[in-house]
Amino acid sequence: MTKIIKTALFAALFLAILTPAATYAQDVDASLTGAQLDAAVTQYKALGFSKGLAAVGGGLAVVGAGIGIGQIGRGGAEATARQPEAGRAIFTLALITAAFVEGVALFALVVALGA
């Protein structure tokens, strides 16, 4: 379990590093000089930092959703093993709960990407 969490956190940090690099790679208008050029560079740096934080936030939302759905599956399997006759009801509740978790994670990811 801890290996999966470490891998997911490494992936989120990797994305946080790549996103600002892609932002810095944008071209700056060649006609800008002096203070205009400094302002443009400052804006690109601020944009890269906010995109990097958004990537980390989106990654954490997805990791949290994965952990949550794993807990739902584990709880459903344990409950069904303890009370097999309630298996269909447990499956239905677990499916609905997993859908809610996925919805929240998708919303968090969309908000993070829109930042």
PDB file of N, CA and C in Angstrom:
ATOM      1  N   MET A   1       0.827  -1.198   0.000  1.00  0.00           N
ATOM      2  CA  MET A   1       0.000   0.000   0.000  1.00  0.00           C
ATOM      3  C   MET A   1       0.868   1.257   0.000  1.00  0.00           C
ATOM      4  N   THR A   2       1.900   1.264   0.822  1.00  0.00           N
ATOM      5  CA  THR A   2       2.744   2.457   0.878  1.00  0.00           C
ATOM      6  C   THR A   2       3.530   2.644  -0.414  1.00  0.00           C
ATOM      7  N   LYS A   3       3.852   1.543  -1.111  1.00  0.00           N
ATOM      8  CA  LYS A   3       4.557   1.661  -2.382  1.00  0.00           C
ATOM      9  C   LYS A   3       3.664   2.348  -3.421  1.00  0.00           C
ATOM     10  N   ILE A   4       2.376   2.040  -3.407  1.00  0.00           N
ATOM     11  CA  ILE A   4       1.440   2.672  -4.338  1.00  0.00           C
ATOM     12  C   ILE A   4       1.317   4.162  -4.032  1.00  0.00           C
ATOM     13  N   ILE A   5       1.228   4.502  -2.765  1.00  0.00           N
ATOM     14  CA  ILE A   5       1.115   5.910  -2.386  1.00  0.00           C
ATOM     15  C   ILE A   5       2.377   6.666  -2.772  1.00  0.00           C
ATOM     16  N   LYS A   6       3.539   6.073  -2.533  1.00  0.00           N
ATOM     17  CA  LYS A   6       4.791   6.727  -2.912  1.00  0.00           C
ATOM     18  C   LYS A   6       4.870   6.928  -4.420  1.00  0.00           C
ATOM     19  N   THR A   7       4.441   5.936  -5.185  1.00  0.00           N
ATOM     20  CA  THR A   7       4.456   6.055  -6.645  1.00  0.00           C
ATOM     21  C   THR A   7       3.513   7.145  -7.110  1.00  0.00           C
ATOM     22  N   ALA A   8       2.324   7.216  -6.514  1.00  0.00           N
ATOM     23  CA  ALA A   8       1.352   8.240  -6.907  1.00  0.00           C
ATOM     24  C   ALA A   8       1.860   9.643  -6.549  1.00  0.00           C
ATOM     25  N   LEU A   9       2.456   9.791  -5.396  1.00  0.00           N
ATOM     26  CA  LEU A   9       2.999  11.093  -5.017  1.00  0.00           C
ATOM     27  C   LEU A   9       4.166  11.490  -5.918  1.00  0.00           C
ATOM     28  N   PHE A  10       4.993  10.520  -6.297  1.00  0.00           N
ATOM     29  CA  PHE A  10       6.083  10.807  -7.219  1.00  0.00           C
ATOM     30  C   PHE A  10       5.538  11.264  -8.568  1.00  0.00           C
ATOM     31  N   ALA A  11       4.471  10.610  -9.035  1.00  0.00           N
ATOM     32  CA  ALA A  11       3.860  11.004 -10.311  1.00  0.00           C
ATOM     33  C   ALA A  11       3.285  12.409 -10.227  1.00  0.00           C
ATOM     34  N   ALA A  12       2.640  12.741  -9.106  1.00  0.00           N
ATOM     35  CA  ALA A  12       2.078  14.086  -8.950  1.00  0.00           C
ATOM     36  C   ALA A  12       3.184  15.135  -8.918  1.00  0.00           C
ATOM     37  N   LEU A  13       4.272  14.864  -8.228  1.00  0.00           N
ATOM     38  CA  LEU A  13       5.383  15.810  -8.197  1.00  0.00           C
ATOM     39  C   LEU A  13       6.050  15.938  -9.565  1.00  0.00           C
ATOM     40  N   PHE A  14       6.136  14.827 -10.304  1.00  0.00           N
ATOM     41  CA  PHE A  14       6.697  14.867 -11.640  1.00  0.00           C
ATOM     42  C   PHE A  14       5.866  15.774 -12.545  1.00  0.00           C
ATOM     43  N   LEU A  15       4.528  15.642 -12.452  1.00  0.00           N
ATOM     44  CA  LEU A  15       3.650  16.526 -13.233  1.00  0.00           C
ATOM     45  C   LEU A  15       3.795  17.978 -12.790  1.00  0.00           C
ATOM     46  N   ALA A  16       3.981  18.190 -11.504  1.00  0.00           N
ATOM     47  CA  ALA A  16       4.136  19.557 -11.008  1.00  0.00           C
ATOM     48  C   ALA A  16       5.410  20.191 -11.529  1.00  0.00           C
ATOM     49  N   ILE A  17       6.408  19.384 -11.805  1.00  0.00           N
ATOM     50  CA  ILE A  17       7.645  19.919 -12.356  1.00  0.00           C
ATOM     51  C   ILE A  17       7.522  20.129 -13.864  1.00  0.00           C
ATOM     52  N   LEU A  18       6.839  19.222 -14.551  1.00  0.00           N
ATOM     53  CA  LEU A  18       6.709  19.333 -16.004  1.00  0.00           C
ATOM     54  C   LEU A  18       5.801  20.475 -16.439  1.00  0.00           C
ATOM     55  N   THR A  19       4.742  20.743 -15.700  1.00  0.00           N
ATOM     56  CA  THR A  19       3.786  21.767 -16.118  1.00  0.00           C
ATOM     57  C   THR A  19       4.417  23.153 -16.183  1.00  0.00           C
ATOM     58  N   PRO A  20       5.150  23.610 -15.169  1.00  0.00           N
ATOM     59  CA  PRO A  20       5.799  24.916 -15.310  1.00  0.00           C
ATOM     60  C   PRO A  20       6.822  24.942 -16.437  1.00  0.00           C
ATOM     61  N   ALA A  21       7.508  23.814 -16.664  1.00  0.00           N
ATOM     62  CA  ALA A  21       8.490  23.788 -17.746  1.00  0.00           C
ATOM     63  C   ALA A  21       7.815  23.996 -19.093  1.00  0.00           C
ATOM     64  N   ALA A  22       6.642  23.403 -19.274  1.00  0.00           N
ATOM     65  CA  ALA A  22       5.904  23.600 -20.526  1.00  0.00           C
ATOM     66  C   ALA A  22       5.427  25.039 -20.649  1.00  0.00           C
ATOM     67  N   THR A  23       5.092  25.656 -19.531  1.00  0.00           N
ATOM     68  CA  THR A  23       4.652  27.041 -19.560  1.00  0.00           C
ATOM     69  C   THR A  23       5.803  27.969 -19.905  1.00  0.00           C
ATOM     70  N   TYR A  24       6.987  27.701 -19.366  1.00  0.00           N
ATOM     71  CA  TYR A  24       8.150  28.540 -19.655  1.00  0.00           C
ATOM     72  C   TYR A  24       8.578  28.404 -21.120  1.00  0.00           C
ATOM     73  N   ALA A  25       8.226  27.295 -21.746  1.00  0.00           N
ATOM     74  CA  ALA A  25       8.652  27.050 -23.114  1.00  0.00           C
ATOM     75  C   ALA A  25       7.885  27.895 -24.128  1.00  0.00           C
ATOM     76  N   GLN A  26       6.865  28.632 -23.680  1.00  0.00           N
ATOM     77  CA  GLN A  26       6.106  29.466 -24.604  1.00  0.00           C
ATOM     78  C   GLN A  26       6.976  30.615 -25.091  1.00  0.00           C
ATOM     79  N   ASP A  27       6.718  31.034 -26.316  1.00  0.00           N
ATOM     80  CA  ASP A  27       7.487  32.123 -26.906  1.00  0.00           C
ATOM     81  C   ASP A  27       7.043  33.465 -26.343  1.00  0.00           C
ATOM     82  N   VAL A  28       7.997  34.342 -26.157  1.00  0.00           N
ATOM     83  CA  VAL A  28       7.732  35.722 -25.756  1.00  0.00           C
ATOM     84  C   VAL A  28       7.843  36.575 -27.008  1.00  0.00           C
ATOM     85  N   ASP A  29       6.937  37.524 -27.145  1.00  0.00           N
ATOM     86  CA  ASP A  29       6.929  38.397 -28.316  1.00  0.00           C
ATOM     87  C   ASP A  29       8.297  39.068 -28.472  1.00  0.00           C
ATOM     88  N   ALA A  30       8.884  38.953 -29.657  1.00  0.00           N
ATOM     89  CA  ALA A  30      10.231  39.479 -29.897  1.00  0.00           C
ATOM     90  C   ALA A  30      10.268  41.000 -29.891  1.00  0.00           C
ATOM     91  N   SER A  31       9.123  41.662 -30.052  1.00  0.00           N
ATOM     92  CA  SER A  31       9.121  43.122 -30.098  1.00  0.00           C
ATOM     93  C   SER A  31       9.140  43.750 -28.705  1.00  0.00           C
ATOM     94  N   LEU A  32       8.999  42.940 -27.641  1.00  0.00           N
ATOM     95  CA  LEU A  32       9.007  43.473 -26.285  1.00  0.00           C
ATOM     96  C   LEU A  32      10.431  43.840 -25.875  1.00  0.00           C
ATOM     97  N   THR A  33      10.539  44.947 -25.166  1.00  0.00           N
ATOM     98  CA  THR A  33      11.848  45.372 -24.686  1.00  0.00           C
ATOM     99  C   THR A  33      11.721  45.907 -23.267  1.00  0.00           C
ATOM    100  N   GLY A  34      12.809  45.879 -22.547  1.00  0.00           N
ATOM    101  CA  GLY A  34      12.907  46.511 -21.231  1.00  0.00           C
ATOM    102  C   GLY A  34      11.863  46.044 -20.236  1.00  0.00           C
ATOM    103  N   ALA A  35      11.087  47.002 -19.732  1.00  0.00           N
ATOM    104  CA  ALA A  35      10.104  46.737 -18.681  1.00  0.00           C
ATOM    105  C   ALA A  35       8.986  45.827 -19.180  1.00  0.00           C
ATOM    106  N   GLN A  36       8.619  45.947 -20.451  1.00  0.00           N
ATOM    107  CA  GLN A  36       7.571  45.082 -21.004  1.00  0.00           C
ATOM    108  C   GLN A  36       8.026  43.620 -20.993  1.00  0.00           C
ATOM    109  N   LEU A  37       9.274  43.404 -21.357  1.00  0.00           N
ATOM    110  CA  LEU A  37       9.811  42.049 -21.377  1.00  0.00           C
ATOM    111  C   LEU A  37       9.885  41.486 -19.957  1.00  0.00           C
ATOM    112  N   ASP A  38      10.318  42.293 -19.009  1.00  0.00           N
ATOM    113  CA  ASP A  38      10.367  41.853 -17.611  1.00  0.00           C
ATOM    114  C   ASP A  38       8.980  41.499 -17.093  1.00  0.00           C
ATOM    115  N   ALA A  39       7.978  42.305 -17.448  1.00  0.00           N
ATOM    116  CA  ALA A  39       6.604  42.032 -17.020  1.00  0.00           C
ATOM    117  C   ALA A  39       6.093  40.730 -17.631  1.00  0.00           C
ATOM    118  N   ALA A  40       6.398  40.493 -18.899  1.00  0.00           N
ATOM    119  CA  ALA A  40       5.959  39.265 -19.564  1.00  0.00           C
ATOM    120  C   ALA A  40       6.596  38.036 -18.925  1.00  0.00           C
ATOM    121  N   VAL A  41       7.879  38.122 -18.616  1.00  0.00           N
ATOM    122  CA  VAL A  41       8.570  37.002 -17.974  1.00  0.00           C
ATOM    123  C   VAL A  41       7.995  36.738 -16.592  1.00  0.00           C
ATOM    124  N   THR A  42       7.710  37.789 -15.846  1.00  0.00           N
ATOM    125  CA  THR A  42       7.105  37.634 -14.518  1.00  0.00           C
ATOM    126  C   THR A  42       5.739  36.968 -14.611  1.00  0.00           C
ATOM    127  N   GLN A  43       4.951  37.362 -15.606  1.00  0.00           N
ATOM    128  CA  GLN A  43       3.635  36.746 -15.784  1.00  0.00           C
ATOM    129  C   GLN A  43       3.769  35.269 -16.131  1.00  0.00           C
ATOM    130  N   TYR A  44       4.725  34.916 -16.996  1.00  0.00           N
ATOM    131  CA  TYR A  44       4.927  33.512 -17.342  1.00  0.00           C
ATOM    132  C   TYR A  44       5.355  32.701 -16.127  1.00  0.00           C
ATOM    133  N   LYS A  45       6.216  33.269 -15.290  1.00  0.00           N
ATOM    134  CA  LYS A  45       6.660  32.554 -14.095  1.00  0.00           C
ATOM    135  C   LYS A  45       5.507  32.337 -13.131  1.00  0.00           C
ATOM    136  N   ALA A  46       4.667  33.365 -12.934  1.00  0.00           N
ATOM    137  CA  ALA A  46       3.514  33.228 -12.039  1.00  0.00           C
ATOM    138  C   ALA A  46       2.538  32.195 -12.587  1.00  0.00           C
ATOM    139  N   LEU A  47       2.339  32.193 -13.890  1.00  0.00           N
ATOM    140  CA  LEU A  47       1.449  31.216 -14.506  1.00  0.00           C
ATOM    141  C   LEU A  47       1.990  29.803 -14.329  1.00  0.00           C
ATOM    142  N   GLY A  48       3.288  29.641 -14.513  1.00  0.00           N
ATOM    143  CA  GLY A  48       3.894  28.328 -14.342  1.00  0.00           C
ATOM    144  C   GLY A  48       3.773  27.821 -12.921  1.00  0.00           C
ATOM    145  N   PHE A  49       3.947  28.689 -11.942  1.00  0.00           N
ATOM    146  CA  PHE A  49       3.824  28.290 -10.541  1.00  0.00           C
ATOM    147  C   PHE A  49       2.398  27.871 -10.221  1.00  0.00           C
ATOM    148  N   SER A  50       1.408  28.649 -10.692  1.00  0.00           N
ATOM    149  CA  SER A  50       0.016  28.301 -10.392  1.00  0.00           C
ATOM    150  C   SER A  50      -0.391  27.017 -11.110  1.00  0.00           C
ATOM    151  N   LYS A  51       0.099  26.805 -12.325  1.00  0.00           N
ATOM    152  CA  LYS A  51      -0.204  25.559 -13.030  1.00  0.00           C
ATOM    153  C   LYS A  51       0.444  24.370 -12.322  1.00  0.00           C
ATOM    154  N   GLY A  52       1.635  24.580 -11.795  1.00  0.00           N
ATOM    155  CA  GLY A  52       2.287  23.502 -11.057  1.00  0.00           C
ATOM    156  C   GLY A  52       1.517  23.123  -9.803  1.00  0.00           C
ATOM    157  N   LEU A  53       1.044  24.121  -9.074  1.00  0.00           N
ATOM    158  CA  LEU A  53       0.228  23.840  -7.889  1.00  0.00           C
ATOM    159  C   LEU A  53      -1.087  23.172  -8.274  1.00  0.00           C
ATOM    160  N   ALA A  54      -1.674  23.580  -9.393  1.00  0.00           N
ATOM    161  CA  ALA A  54      -2.917  22.966  -9.855  1.00  0.00           C
ATOM    162  C   ALA A  54      -2.688  21.497 -10.219  1.00  0.00           C
ATOM    163  N   ALA A  55      -1.539  21.202 -10.819  1.00  0.00           N
ATOM    164  CA  ALA A  55      -1.229  19.813 -11.158  1.00  0.00           C
ATOM    165  C   ALA A  55      -1.078  18.970  -9.894  1.00  0.00           C
ATOM    166  N   VAL A  56      -0.430  19.523  -8.887  1.00  0.00           N
ATOM    167  CA  VAL A  56      -0.297  18.797  -7.619  1.00  0.00           C
ATOM    168  C   VAL A  56      -1.662  18.579  -6.983  1.00  0.00           C
ATOM    169  N   GLY A  57      -2.510  19.613  -6.988  1.00  0.00           N
ATOM    170  CA  GLY A  57      -3.856  19.475  -6.428  1.00  0.00           C
ATOM    171  C   GLY A  57      -4.689  18.451  -7.163  1.00  0.00           C
ATOM    172  N   GLY A  58      -4.623  18.478  -8.487  1.00  0.00           N
ATOM    173  CA  GLY A  58      -5.354  17.491  -9.273  1.00  0.00           C
ATOM    174  C   GLY A  58      -4.851  16.081  -9.018  1.00  0.00           C
ATOM    175  N   GLY A  59      -3.529  15.934  -8.918  1.00  0.00           N
ATOM    176  CA  GLY A  59      -2.957  14.626  -8.630  1.00  0.00           C
ATOM    177  C   GLY A  59      -3.371  14.099  -7.262  1.00  0.00           C
ATOM    178  N   LEU A  60      -3.382  14.983  -6.278  1.00  0.00           N
ATOM    179  CA  LEU A  60      -3.808  14.563  -4.934  1.00  0.00           C
ATOM    180  C   LEU A  60      -5.289  14.177  -4.914  1.00  0.00           C
ATOM    181  N   ALA A  61      -6.110  14.890  -5.685  1.00  0.00           N
ATOM    182  CA  ALA A  61      -7.533  14.551  -5.753  1.00  0.00           C
ATOM    183  C   ALA A  61      -7.727  13.161  -6.350  1.00  0.00           C
ATOM    184  N   VAL A  62      -6.979  12.856  -7.394  1.00  0.00           N
ATOM    185  CA  VAL A  62      -7.100  11.549  -8.037  1.00  0.00           C
ATOM    186  C   VAL A  62      -6.562  10.444  -7.125  1.00  0.00           C
ATOM    187  N   VAL A  63      -5.454  10.711  -6.445  1.00  0.00           N
ATOM    188  CA  VAL A  63      -4.905   9.720  -5.510  1.00  0.00           C
ATOM    189  C   VAL A  63      -5.892   9.473  -4.370  1.00  0.00           C
ATOM    190  N   GLY A  64      -6.472  10.550  -3.850  1.00  0.00           N
ATOM    191  CA  GLY A  64      -7.466  10.398  -2.782  1.00  0.00           C
ATOM    192  C   GLY A  64      -8.675   9.600  -3.226  1.00  0.00           C
ATOM    193  N   ALA A  65      -9.129   9.840  -4.447  1.00  0.00           N
ATOM    194  CA  ALA A  65     -10.271   9.083  -4.959  1.00  0.00           C
ATOM    195  C   ALA A  65      -9.916   7.605  -5.116  1.00  0.00           C
ATOM    196  N   GLY A  66      -8.708   7.323  -5.587  1.00  0.00           N
ATOM    197  CA  GLY A  66      -8.289   5.930  -5.721  1.00  0.00           C
ATOM    198  C   GLY A  66      -8.238   5.215  -4.385  1.00  0.00           C
ATOM    199  N   ILE A  67      -7.719   5.890  -3.388  1.00  0.00           N
ATOM    200  CA  ILE A  67      -7.675   5.299  -2.052  1.00  0.00           C
ATOM    201  C   ILE A  67      -9.086   5.093  -1.515  1.00  0.00           C
ATOM    202  N   GLY A  68      -9.953   6.088  -1.724  1.00  0.00           N
ATOM    203  CA  GLY A  68     -11.337   5.974  -1.255  1.00  0.00           C
ATOM    204  C   GLY A  68     -12.088   4.830  -1.910  1.00  0.00           C
ATOM    205  N   ILE A  69     -11.934   4.682  -3.208  1.00  0.00           N
ATOM    206  CA  ILE A  69     -12.624   3.597  -3.906  1.00  0.00           C
ATOM    207  C   ILE A  69     -12.057   2.248  -3.477  1.00  0.00           C
ATOM    208  N   GLY A  70     -10.759   2.192  -3.211  1.00  0.00           N
ATOM    209  CA  GLY A  70     -10.176   0.964  -2.694  1.00  0.00           C
ATOM    210  C   GLY A  70     -10.757   0.586  -1.335  1.00  0.00           C
ATOM    211  N   GLN A  71     -10.957   1.584  -0.495  1.00  0.00           N
ATOM    212  CA  GLN A  71     -11.568   1.327   0.816  1.00  0.00           C
ATOM    213  C   GLN A  71     -13.015   0.859   0.668  1.00  0.00           C
ATOM    214  N   ILE A  72     -13.735   1.444  -0.285  1.00  0.00           N
ATOM    215  CA  ILE A  72     -15.124   1.029  -0.524  1.00  0.00           C
ATOM    216  C   ILE A  72     -15.157  -0.430  -0.976  1.00  0.00           C
ATOM    217  N   GLY A  73     -14.266  -0.782  -1.913  1.00  0.00           N
ATOM    218  CA  GLY A  73     -14.219  -2.163  -2.394  1.00  0.00           C
ATOM    219  C   GLY A  73     -13.856  -3.147  -1.306  1.00  0.00           C
ATOM    220  N   ARG A  74     -12.881  -2.761  -0.479  1.00  0.00           N
ATOM    221  CA  ARG A  74     -12.488  -3.638   0.615  1.00  0.00           C
ATOM    222  C   ARG A  74     -13.630  -3.838   1.604  1.00  0.00           C
ATOM    223  N   GLY A  75     -14.300  -2.731   1.947  1.00  0.00           N
ATOM    224  CA  GLY A  75     -15.422  -2.834   2.883  1.00  0.00           C
ATOM    225  C   GLY A  75     -16.568  -3.652   2.319  1.00  0.00           C
ATOM    226  N   GLY A  76     -16.833  -3.474   1.021  1.00  0.00           N
ATOM    227  CA  GLY A  76     -17.900  -4.260   0.388  1.00  0.00           C
ATOM    228  C   GLY A  76     -17.573  -5.739   0.356  1.00  0.00           C
ATOM    229  N   ALA A  77     -16.324  -6.073   0.065  1.00  0.00           N
ATOM    230  CA  ALA A  77     -15.923  -7.482   0.039  1.00  0.00           C
ATOM    231  C   ALA A  77     -16.004  -8.103   1.433  1.00  0.00           C
ATOM    232  N   GLU A  78     -15.564  -7.362   2.445  1.00  0.00           N
ATOM    233  CA  GLU A  78     -15.646  -7.881   3.812  1.00  0.00           C
ATOM    234  C   GLU A  78     -17.091  -8.052   4.259  1.00  0.00           C
ATOM    235  N   ALA A  79     -17.935  -7.068   3.925  1.00  0.00           N
ATOM    236  CA  ALA A  79     -19.335  -7.154   4.324  1.00  0.00           C
ATOM    237  C   ALA A  79     -20.038  -8.311   3.619  1.00  0.00           C
ATOM    238  N   THR A  80     -19.727  -8.516   2.352  1.00  0.00           N
ATOM    239  CA  THR A  80     -20.343  -9.626   1.625  1.00  0.00           C
ATOM    240  C   THR A  80     -19.852 -10.965   2.170  1.00  0.00           C
ATOM    241  N   ALA A  81     -18.594 -11.033   2.573  1.00  0.00           N
ATOM    242  CA  ALA A  81     -18.069 -12.273   3.143  1.00  0.00           C
ATOM    243  C   ALA A  81     -18.737 -12.584   4.477  1.00  0.00           C
ATOM    244  N   ARG A  82     -19.069 -11.558   5.232  1.00  0.00           N
ATOM    245  CA  ARG A  82     -19.714 -11.776   6.533  1.00  0.00           C
ATOM    246  C   ARG A  82     -21.198 -12.095   6.398  1.00  0.00           C
ATOM    247  N   GLN A  83     -21.829 -11.506   5.383  1.00  0.00           N
ATOM    248  CA  GLN A  83     -23.275 -11.681   5.222  1.00  0.00           C
ATOM    249  C   GLN A  83     -23.591 -11.864   3.732  1.00  0.00           C
ATOM    250  N   PRO A  84     -23.377 -13.059   3.194  1.00  0.00           N
ATOM    251  CA  PRO A  84     -23.520 -13.292   1.756  1.00  0.00           C
ATOM    252  C   PRO A  84     -24.922 -13.021   1.213  1.00  0.00           C
ATOM    253  N   GLU A  85     -25.952 -13.211   2.010  1.00  0.00           N
ATOM    254  CA  GLU A  85     -27.319 -12.995   1.520  1.00  0.00           C
ATOM    255  C   GLU A  85     -27.610 -11.525   1.232  1.00  0.00           C
ATOM    256  N   ALA A  86     -26.822 -10.604   1.774  1.00  0.00           N
ATOM    257  CA  ALA A  86     -27.008  -9.172   1.518  1.00  0.00           C
ATOM    258  C   ALA A  86     -26.043  -8.668   0.444  1.00  0.00           C
ATOM    259  N   GLY A  87     -25.481  -9.584  -0.338  1.00  0.00           N
ATOM    260  CA  GLY A  87     -24.474  -9.223  -1.325  1.00  0.00           C
ATOM    261  C   GLY A  87     -24.946  -8.220  -2.364  1.00  0.00           C
ATOM    262  N   ARG A  88     -26.163  -8.385  -2.875  1.00  0.00           N
ATOM    263  CA  ARG A  88     -26.662  -7.453  -3.902  1.00  0.00           C
ATOM    264  C   ARG A  88     -26.855  -6.049  -3.337  1.00  0.00           C
ATOM    265  N   ALA A  89     -27.403  -5.944  -2.157  1.00  0.00           N
ATOM    266  CA  ALA A  89     -27.619  -4.628  -1.542  1.00  0.00           C
ATOM    267  C   ALA A  89     -26.277  -3.955  -1.235  1.00  0.00           C
ATOM    268  N   ILE A  90     -25.337  -4.730  -0.756  1.00  0.00           N
ATOM    269  CA  ILE A  90     -24.008  -4.175  -0.456  1.00  0.00           C
ATOM    270  C   ILE A  90     -23.337  -3.700  -1.735  1.00  0.00           C
ATOM    271  N   PHE A  91     -23.447  -4.508  -2.806  1.00  0.00           N
ATOM    272  CA  PHE A  91     -22.851  -4.118  -4.086  1.00  0.00           C
ATOM    273  C   PHE A  91     -23.476  -2.823  -4.607  1.00  0.00           C
ATOM    274  N   THR A  92     -24.802  -2.710  -4.487  1.00  0.00           N
ATOM    275  CA  THR A  92     -25.480  -1.501  -4.967  1.00  0.00           C
ATOM    276  C   THR A  92     -25.017  -0.269  -4.193  1.00  0.00           C
ATOM    277  N   LEU A  93     -24.954  -0.376  -2.874  1.00  0.00           N
ATOM    278  CA  LEU A  93     -24.507   0.752  -2.067  1.00  0.00           C
ATOM    279  C   LEU A  93     -23.046   1.108  -2.350  1.00  0.00           C
ATOM    280  N   ALA A  94     -22.204   0.092  -2.517  1.00  0.00           N
ATOM    281  CA  ALA A  94     -20.793   0.348  -2.818  1.00  0.00           C
ATOM    282  C   ALA A  94     -20.645   1.024  -4.180  1.00  0.00           C
ATOM    283  N   LEU A  95     -21.435   0.605  -5.160  1.00  0.00           N
ATOM    284  CA  LEU A  95     -21.375   1.202  -6.490  1.00  0.00           C
ATOM    285  C   LEU A  95     -21.815   2.666  -6.471  1.00  0.00           C
ATOM    286  N   ILE A  96     -22.881   2.951  -5.761  1.00  0.00           N
ATOM    287  CA  ILE A  96     -23.360   4.339  -5.658  1.00  0.00           C
ATOM    288  C   ILE A  96     -22.329   5.204  -4.933  1.00  0.00           C
ATOM    289  N   THR A  97     -21.768   4.682  -3.849  1.00  0.00           N
ATOM    290  CA  THR A  97     -20.760   5.439  -3.108  1.00  0.00           C
ATOM    291  C   THR A  97     -19.517   5.690  -3.958  1.00  0.00           C
ATOM    292  N   ALA A  98     -19.087   4.691  -4.718  1.00  0.00           N
ATOM    293  CA  ALA A  98     -17.928   4.854  -5.590  1.00  0.00           C
ATOM    294  C   ALA A  98     -18.209   5.896  -6.670  1.00  0.00           C
ATOM    295  N   ALA A  99     -19.440   5.934  -7.165  1.00  0.00           N
ATOM    296  CA  ALA A  99     -19.807   6.936  -8.174  1.00  0.00           C
ATOM    297  C   ALA A  99     -19.718   8.343  -7.586  1.00  0.00           C
ATOM    298  N   PHE A 100     -20.151   8.507  -6.346  1.00  0.00           N
ATOM    299  CA  PHE A 100     -20.039   9.815  -5.700  1.00  0.00           C
ATOM    300  C   PHE A 100     -18.571  10.226  -5.522  1.00  0.00           C
ATOM    301  N   VAL A 101     -17.737   9.291  -5.117  1.00  0.00           N
ATOM    302  CA  VAL A 101     -16.311   9.587  -4.945  1.00  0.00           C
ATOM    303  C   VAL A 101     -15.697   9.975  -6.285  1.00  0.00           C
ATOM    304  N   GLU A 102     -16.032   9.242  -7.344  1.00  0.00           N
ATOM    305  CA  GLU A 102     -15.515   9.573  -8.674  1.00  0.00           C
ATOM    306  C   GLU A 102     -15.998  10.945  -9.126  1.00  0.00           C
ATOM    307  N   GLY A 103     -17.245  11.275  -8.823  1.00  0.00           N
ATOM    308  CA  GLY A 103     -17.771  12.588  -9.193  1.00  0.00           C
ATOM    309  C   GLY A 103     -17.021  13.716  -8.515  1.00  0.00           C
ATOM    310  N   VAL A 104     -16.740  13.559  -7.249  1.00  0.00           N
ATOM    311  CA  VAL A 104     -15.987  14.585  -6.520  1.00  0.00           C
ATOM    312  C   VAL A 104     -14.566  14.695  -7.073  1.00  0.00           C
ATOM    313  N   ALA A 105     -13.943  13.550  -7.366  1.00  0.00           N
ATOM    314  CA  ALA A 105     -12.582  13.572  -7.911  1.00  0.00           C
ATOM    315  C   ALA A 105     -12.557  14.220  -9.286  1.00  0.00           C
ATOM    316  N   LEU A 106     -13.552  13.931 -10.114  1.00  0.00           N
ATOM    317  CA  LEU A 106     -13.608  14.541 -11.441  1.00  0.00           C
ATOM    318  C   LEU A 106     -13.815  16.047 -11.338  1.00  0.00           C
ATOM    319  N   PHE A 107     -14.678  16.468 -10.426  1.00  0.00           N
ATOM    320  CA  PHE A 107     -14.890  17.897 -10.219  1.00  0.00           C
ATOM    321  C   PHE A 107     -13.608  18.581  -9.766  1.00  0.00           C
ATOM    322  N   ALA A 108     -12.887  17.961  -8.820  1.00  0.00           N
ATOM    323  CA  ALA A 108     -11.618  18.530  -8.335  1.00  0.00           C
ATOM    324  C   ALA A 108     -10.589  18.602  -9.454  1.00  0.00           C
ATOM    325  N   LEU A 109     -10.546  17.591 -10.309  1.00  0.00           N
ATOM    326  CA  LEU A 109      -9.601  17.582 -11.414  1.00  0.00           C
ATOM    327  C   LEU A 109      -9.921  18.666 -12.440  1.00  0.00           C
ATOM    328  N   VAL A 110     -11.199  18.841 -12.728  1.00  0.00           N
ATOM    329  CA  VAL A 110     -11.602  19.891 -13.685  1.00  0.00           C
ATOM    330  C   VAL A 110     -11.276  21.264 -13.128  1.00  0.00           C
ATOM    331  N   VAL A 111     -11.533  21.486 -11.855  1.00  0.00           N
ATOM    332  CA  VAL A 111     -11.209  22.774 -11.236  1.00  0.00           C
ATOM    333  C   VAL A 111      -9.697  22.998 -11.258  1.00  0.00           C
ATOM    334  N   ALA A 112      -8.923  21.943 -10.973  1.00  0.00           N
ATOM    335  CA  ALA A 112      -7.464  22.082 -10.965  1.00  0.00           C
ATOM    336  C   ALA A 112      -6.936  22.393 -12.368  1.00  0.00           C
ATOM    337  N   LEU A 113      -7.479  21.756 -13.383  1.00  0.00           N
ATOM    338  CA  LEU A 113      -7.016  22.003 -14.742  1.00  0.00           C
ATOM    339  C   LEU A 113      -7.461  23.352 -15.267  1.00  0.00           C
ATOM    340  N   GLY A 114      -8.549  23.868 -14.730  1.00  0.00           N
ATOM    341  CA  GLY A 114      -9.041  25.170 -15.161  1.00  0.00           C
ATOM    342  C   GLY A 114      -8.317  26.330 -14.500  1.00  0.00           C
ATOM    343  N   ALA A 115      -7.514  26.051 -13.484  1.00  0.00           N
ATOM    344  CA  ALA A 115      -6.814  27.118 -12.758  1.00  0.00           C
ATOM    345  C   ALA A 115      -5.734  27.758 -13.603  1.00  0.00           C
TER     346      ALA A 115
END
